[in-house]
């Protein structure tokens, strides 16, 4: 399992753009046929199409998440890939904050 957290550590309300499902949208590695970060919210969302654990389609809708000072939003994902480096991207609209676009790079090593 892996938990992603967006936390507002400023003294002002912030808003970031994402897609469905909130709070981070549908995340995937374009080189992986299966979704390596999986949440049942993909299946439950009317904006994400799935086939097993694959994301096969997505409505390109914009969703904004607002965070008050000190507030956070999180999502826990099942991580379903072997050790390696992955460049996690979002389908549709990019994850943005203040006009900046963000990507998530994950490296998993065997212990």
N, C-alpha and C. Protein backbone atom coordinates (compact mmCIF):
# COMPACT_ATOMS: atom_id res chain seq x y z
N UNK A 1 0.84 -1.17 0.00
CA UNK A 1 0.00 0.00 0.00
C UNK A 1 0.89 1.25 0.00
N UNK A 2 0.39 2.29 -0.63
CA UNK A 2 1.08 3.58 -0.65
C UNK A 2 0.02 4.66 -0.45
N UNK A 3 0.33 5.64 0.38
CA UNK A 3 -0.60 6.72 0.64
C UNK A 3 -0.03 8.01 0.09
N UNK A 4 -0.81 8.69 -0.72
CA UNK A 4 -0.44 10.01 -1.22
C UNK A 4 -1.22 11.04 -0.42
N UNK A 5 -0.53 12.11 -0.02
CA UNK A 5 -1.15 13.14 0.81
C UNK A 5 -0.88 14.51 0.20
N UNK A 6 -1.92 15.31 0.08
CA UNK A 6 -1.78 16.72 -0.28
C UNK A 6 -2.12 17.50 0.99
N UNK A 7 -1.17 18.27 1.50
CA UNK A 7 -1.39 19.02 2.73
C UNK A 7 -1.06 20.48 2.50
N UNK A 8 -1.93 21.35 2.97
CA UNK A 8 -1.71 22.78 2.88
C UNK A 8 -0.92 23.23 4.10
N UNK A 9 0.34 23.56 3.89
CA UNK A 9 1.19 24.01 4.99
C UNK A 9 1.36 25.53 4.97
N UNK A 10 0.48 26.22 4.24
CA UNK A 10 0.52 27.67 4.20
C UNK A 10 -0.52 28.24 5.15
N UNK A 11 -0.58 29.56 5.23
CA UNK A 11 -1.56 30.22 6.08
C UNK A 11 -2.78 30.70 5.30
N UNK A 12 -2.84 30.34 4.02
CA UNK A 12 -3.96 30.73 3.17
C UNK A 12 -4.60 29.49 2.56
N UNK A 13 -5.86 29.62 2.16
CA UNK A 13 -6.51 28.53 1.46
C UNK A 13 -5.84 28.35 0.10
N UNK A 14 -5.67 27.10 -0.31
CA UNK A 14 -5.13 26.83 -1.64
C UNK A 14 -6.11 25.95 -2.40
N UNK A 15 -5.95 25.93 -3.71
CA UNK A 15 -6.78 25.12 -4.57
C UNK A 15 -5.88 24.49 -5.61
N UNK A 16 -6.05 23.19 -5.83
CA UNK A 16 -5.28 22.55 -6.90
C UNK A 16 -6.22 21.83 -7.83
N UNK A 17 -5.80 21.75 -9.08
CA UNK A 17 -6.60 21.14 -10.12
C UNK A 17 -6.24 19.68 -10.30
N UNK A 18 -7.25 18.85 -10.43
CA UNK A 18 -7.05 17.43 -10.65
C UNK A 18 -8.19 16.93 -11.54
N UNK A 19 -8.30 15.67 -11.70
CA UNK A 19 -9.40 15.07 -12.45
C UNK A 19 -10.09 14.05 -11.58
N UNK A 20 -11.00 13.30 -12.17
CA UNK A 20 -11.74 12.28 -11.40
C UNK A 20 -10.87 11.03 -11.26
N UNK A 21 -10.97 10.35 -10.15
CA UNK A 21 -11.66 10.74 -8.93
C UNK A 21 -10.77 11.61 -8.04
N UNK A 22 -11.39 12.45 -7.28
CA UNK A 22 -10.70 13.33 -6.35
C UNK A 22 -10.08 12.46 -5.25
N UNK A 23 -8.96 12.75 -4.64
CA UNK A 23 -8.27 14.03 -4.67
C UNK A 23 -7.10 14.09 -5.65
N UNK A 24 -6.77 12.99 -6.38
CA UNK A 24 -5.60 13.02 -7.26
C UNK A 24 -5.88 12.60 -8.69
N UNK A 25 -7.09 12.19 -9.00
CA UNK A 25 -7.39 11.73 -10.35
C UNK A 25 -6.91 10.31 -10.57
N UNK A 26 -6.97 9.85 -11.81
CA UNK A 26 -6.54 8.50 -12.17
C UNK A 26 -5.05 8.53 -12.49
N UNK A 27 -4.28 7.80 -11.71
CA UNK A 27 -2.82 7.79 -11.85
C UNK A 27 -2.39 6.51 -12.55
N UNK A 28 -1.40 6.62 -13.43
CA UNK A 28 -0.95 5.44 -14.17
C UNK A 28 0.48 5.64 -14.62
N UNK A 29 1.12 4.53 -15.01
CA UNK A 29 2.43 4.56 -15.65
C UNK A 29 2.19 4.17 -17.10
N UNK A 30 2.51 5.05 -18.06
CA UNK A 30 2.19 4.76 -19.46
C UNK A 30 2.89 3.51 -20.00
N UNK A 31 3.94 3.04 -19.33
CA UNK A 31 4.65 1.85 -19.79
C UNK A 31 4.13 0.57 -19.15
N UNK A 32 3.12 0.67 -18.30
CA UNK A 32 2.59 -0.51 -17.60
C UNK A 32 1.16 -0.78 -18.06
N UNK A 33 0.87 -2.02 -18.50
CA UNK A 33 -0.49 -2.32 -18.96
C UNK A 33 -1.51 -2.34 -17.83
N UNK A 34 -1.09 -2.65 -16.62
CA UNK A 34 -1.98 -2.67 -15.47
C UNK A 34 -1.77 -1.40 -14.65
N UNK A 35 -2.81 -0.96 -13.96
CA UNK A 35 -2.68 0.21 -13.08
C UNK A 35 -1.83 -0.19 -11.89
N UNK A 36 -0.66 0.43 -11.73
CA UNK A 36 0.20 0.04 -10.62
C UNK A 36 -0.18 0.75 -9.33
N UNK A 37 -0.90 1.84 -9.43
CA UNK A 37 -1.50 2.47 -8.26
C UNK A 37 -3.00 2.30 -8.40
N UNK A 38 -3.58 1.44 -7.59
CA UNK A 38 -4.98 1.07 -7.78
C UNK A 38 -5.82 1.45 -6.56
N UNK A 39 -6.97 2.03 -6.83
CA UNK A 39 -7.98 2.29 -5.81
C UNK A 39 -9.34 1.92 -6.39
N UNK A 40 -10.20 1.39 -5.56
CA UNK A 40 -11.55 1.03 -6.01
C UNK A 40 -12.33 2.27 -6.45
N UNK A 41 -11.86 3.47 -6.09
CA UNK A 41 -12.53 4.70 -6.55
C UNK A 41 -12.54 4.78 -8.07
N UNK A 42 -11.55 4.13 -8.74
CA UNK A 42 -11.56 4.11 -10.21
C UNK A 42 -12.82 3.41 -10.71
N UNK A 43 -13.16 2.28 -10.13
CA UNK A 43 -14.34 1.51 -10.54
C UNK A 43 -15.61 2.26 -10.18
N UNK A 44 -15.62 2.90 -9.01
CA UNK A 44 -16.81 3.60 -8.52
C UNK A 44 -17.08 4.90 -9.28
N UNK A 45 -16.05 5.50 -9.88
CA UNK A 45 -16.22 6.78 -10.56
C UNK A 45 -16.96 6.61 -11.88
N UNK A 46 -17.90 7.49 -12.13
CA UNK A 46 -18.61 7.48 -13.41
C UNK A 46 -17.75 8.07 -14.52
N UNK A 47 -16.57 8.61 -14.19
CA UNK A 47 -15.71 9.26 -15.17
C UNK A 47 -14.50 8.43 -15.56
N UNK A 48 -14.31 7.25 -14.95
CA UNK A 48 -13.17 6.39 -15.25
C UNK A 48 -13.69 5.04 -15.75
N UNK A 49 -13.14 4.58 -16.88
CA UNK A 49 -13.50 3.26 -17.42
C UNK A 49 -12.37 2.30 -17.10
N UNK A 50 -12.74 1.12 -16.60
CA UNK A 50 -11.74 0.12 -16.24
C UNK A 50 -12.07 -1.22 -16.86
N UNK A 51 -11.05 -2.04 -17.01
CA UNK A 51 -11.19 -3.44 -17.42
C UNK A 51 -10.26 -4.22 -16.51
N UNK A 52 -10.84 -4.88 -15.53
CA UNK A 52 -10.00 -5.50 -14.50
C UNK A 52 -9.28 -4.39 -13.75
N UNK A 53 -7.96 -4.47 -13.71
CA UNK A 53 -7.18 -3.44 -13.03
C UNK A 53 -6.49 -2.51 -14.04
N UNK A 54 -7.08 -2.38 -15.22
CA UNK A 54 -6.58 -1.46 -16.24
C UNK A 54 -7.51 -0.27 -16.36
N UNK A 55 -6.93 0.91 -16.52
CA UNK A 55 -7.70 2.10 -16.84
C UNK A 55 -7.79 2.16 -18.36
N UNK A 56 -9.00 2.05 -18.90
CA UNK A 56 -9.15 1.98 -20.35
C UNK A 56 -9.72 3.26 -20.95
N UNK A 57 -10.26 4.13 -20.11
CA UNK A 57 -10.82 5.37 -20.62
C UNK A 57 -11.07 6.34 -19.49
N UNK A 58 -11.24 7.60 -19.86
CA UNK A 58 -11.36 8.63 -18.84
C UNK A 58 -12.08 9.82 -19.43
N UNK A 59 -13.04 10.37 -18.71
CA UNK A 59 -13.63 11.65 -19.09
C UNK A 59 -12.66 12.74 -18.66
N UNK A 60 -12.30 13.61 -19.56
CA UNK A 60 -11.32 14.66 -19.27
C UNK A 60 -12.03 15.84 -18.61
N UNK A 61 -12.33 15.68 -17.33
CA UNK A 61 -13.01 16.74 -16.59
C UNK A 61 -12.06 17.35 -15.58
N UNK A 62 -12.25 18.60 -15.31
CA UNK A 62 -11.43 19.27 -14.31
C UNK A 62 -12.15 19.30 -12.97
N UNK A 63 -11.46 18.95 -11.94
CA UNK A 63 -11.98 19.02 -10.58
C UNK A 63 -10.98 19.82 -9.78
N UNK A 64 -11.47 20.71 -8.95
CA UNK A 64 -10.60 21.48 -8.07
C UNK A 64 -10.78 21.00 -6.64
N UNK A 65 -9.67 20.91 -5.93
CA UNK A 65 -9.70 20.55 -4.52
C UNK A 65 -9.20 21.75 -3.73
N UNK A 66 -9.98 22.19 -2.75
CA UNK A 66 -9.59 23.32 -1.90
C UNK A 66 -9.14 22.78 -0.56
N UNK A 67 -8.05 23.35 -0.07
CA UNK A 67 -7.53 22.97 1.24
C UNK A 67 -7.35 24.22 2.08
N UNK A 68 -7.97 24.24 3.25
CA UNK A 68 -7.77 25.32 4.21
C UNK A 68 -6.39 25.17 4.85
N UNK A 69 -5.88 26.20 5.49
CA UNK A 69 -4.59 26.07 6.16
C UNK A 69 -4.57 24.87 7.12
N UNK A 70 -3.55 24.04 6.99
CA UNK A 70 -3.40 22.85 7.83
C UNK A 70 -4.21 21.65 7.40
N UNK A 71 -5.12 21.81 6.45
CA UNK A 71 -5.97 20.72 5.99
C UNK A 71 -5.22 19.83 5.02
N UNK A 72 -5.60 18.55 4.97
CA UNK A 72 -4.98 17.64 4.01
C UNK A 72 -6.04 16.70 3.43
N UNK A 73 -5.73 16.15 2.28
CA UNK A 73 -6.55 15.12 1.62
C UNK A 73 -5.60 14.00 1.25
N UNK A 74 -6.05 12.78 1.38
CA UNK A 74 -5.17 11.66 1.07
C UNK A 74 -5.95 10.56 0.36
N UNK A 75 -5.21 9.67 -0.24
CA UNK A 75 -5.77 8.49 -0.88
C UNK A 75 -4.75 7.37 -0.70
N UNK A 76 -5.24 6.19 -0.36
CA UNK A 76 -4.38 5.02 -0.22
C UNK A 76 -4.58 4.15 -1.46
N UNK A 77 -3.48 3.73 -2.06
CA UNK A 77 -3.50 2.92 -3.27
C UNK A 77 -2.84 1.58 -3.01
N UNK A 78 -3.33 0.57 -3.67
CA UNK A 78 -2.61 -0.69 -3.71
C UNK A 78 -1.51 -0.52 -4.75
N UNK A 79 -0.29 -0.88 -4.39
CA UNK A 79 0.83 -0.80 -5.33
C UNK A 79 1.03 -2.20 -5.88
N UNK A 80 0.85 -2.35 -7.19
CA UNK A 80 0.82 -3.68 -7.78
C UNK A 80 1.89 -3.88 -8.85
N UNK A 81 3.12 -3.55 -8.52
CA UNK A 81 4.19 -3.72 -9.50
C UNK A 81 5.44 -4.26 -8.81
N UNK A 82 6.32 -4.82 -9.60
CA UNK A 82 7.58 -5.33 -9.07
C UNK A 82 8.53 -4.16 -8.80
N UNK A 83 9.61 -4.41 -8.07
CA UNK A 83 10.57 -3.32 -7.81
C UNK A 83 11.05 -2.67 -9.11
N UNK A 84 11.26 -1.38 -9.07
CA UNK A 84 11.72 -0.63 -10.24
C UNK A 84 11.39 0.84 -10.09
N UNK A 85 11.65 1.60 -11.14
CA UNK A 85 11.34 3.03 -11.15
C UNK A 85 10.14 3.26 -12.06
N UNK A 86 9.23 4.09 -11.61
CA UNK A 86 8.01 4.36 -12.35
C UNK A 86 7.76 5.85 -12.41
N UNK A 87 7.34 6.34 -13.57
CA UNK A 87 6.95 7.73 -13.71
C UNK A 87 5.44 7.76 -13.75
N UNK A 88 4.84 8.15 -12.63
CA UNK A 88 3.39 8.12 -12.52
C UNK A 88 2.82 9.41 -13.09
N UNK A 89 1.84 9.26 -13.97
CA UNK A 89 1.20 10.42 -14.60
C UNK A 89 -0.30 10.36 -14.34
N UNK A 90 -0.98 11.41 -14.70
CA UNK A 90 -2.43 11.45 -14.61
C UNK A 90 -3.02 11.37 -15.99
N UNK A 91 -4.15 10.72 -16.10
CA UNK A 91 -4.87 10.77 -17.37
C UNK A 91 -5.61 12.10 -17.43
N UNK A 92 -5.81 12.60 -18.61
CA UNK A 92 -6.56 13.85 -18.76
C UNK A 92 -5.81 15.06 -18.25
N UNK A 93 -6.51 15.91 -17.53
CA UNK A 93 -5.93 17.15 -17.03
C UNK A 93 -4.75 16.86 -16.11
N UNK A 94 -3.67 17.63 -16.21
CA UNK A 94 -2.53 17.40 -15.31
C UNK A 94 -2.82 17.88 -13.90
N UNK A 95 -2.09 17.35 -12.93
CA UNK A 95 -2.19 17.82 -11.55
C UNK A 95 -1.47 19.16 -11.49
N UNK A 96 -2.20 20.22 -11.14
CA UNK A 96 -1.61 21.55 -11.14
C UNK A 96 -1.86 22.26 -9.82
N UNK A 97 -0.94 23.13 -9.47
CA UNK A 97 -1.07 23.97 -8.30
C UNK A 97 -0.40 25.29 -8.63
N UNK A 98 -1.18 26.37 -8.59
CA UNK A 98 -0.62 27.68 -8.89
C UNK A 98 0.01 27.78 -10.27
N UNK A 99 -0.56 27.09 -11.24
CA UNK A 99 -0.03 27.15 -12.59
C UNK A 99 1.12 26.18 -12.84
N UNK A 100 1.61 25.49 -11.81
CA UNK A 100 2.68 24.51 -11.96
C UNK A 100 2.07 23.12 -12.14
N UNK A 101 2.68 22.32 -13.01
CA UNK A 101 2.23 20.96 -13.26
C UNK A 101 3.16 20.00 -12.52
N UNK A 102 2.58 18.97 -11.90
CA UNK A 102 3.36 18.04 -11.11
C UNK A 102 3.24 16.62 -11.63
N UNK A 103 4.34 15.87 -11.53
CA UNK A 103 4.36 14.44 -11.80
C UNK A 103 4.93 13.76 -10.57
N UNK A 104 4.67 12.49 -10.43
CA UNK A 104 5.12 11.72 -9.29
C UNK A 104 6.05 10.63 -9.78
N UNK A 105 7.28 10.61 -9.29
CA UNK A 105 8.22 9.54 -9.61
C UNK A 105 8.38 8.66 -8.39
N UNK A 106 8.23 7.35 -8.57
CA UNK A 106 8.32 6.39 -7.48
C UNK A 106 9.40 5.38 -7.82
N UNK A 107 10.29 5.13 -6.87
CA UNK A 107 11.27 4.06 -7.01
C UNK A 107 11.04 3.06 -5.89
N UNK A 108 10.82 1.81 -6.25
CA UNK A 108 10.60 0.74 -5.28
C UNK A 108 11.75 -0.23 -5.39
N UNK A 109 12.42 -0.52 -4.25
CA UNK A 109 13.52 -1.47 -4.26
C UNK A 109 13.22 -2.67 -3.37
N UNK A 110 13.82 -3.77 -3.70
CA UNK A 110 13.67 -4.95 -2.88
C UNK A 110 14.49 -4.78 -1.61
N UNK A 111 14.00 -5.36 -0.49
CA UNK A 111 14.76 -5.29 0.76
C UNK A 111 15.26 -6.66 1.16
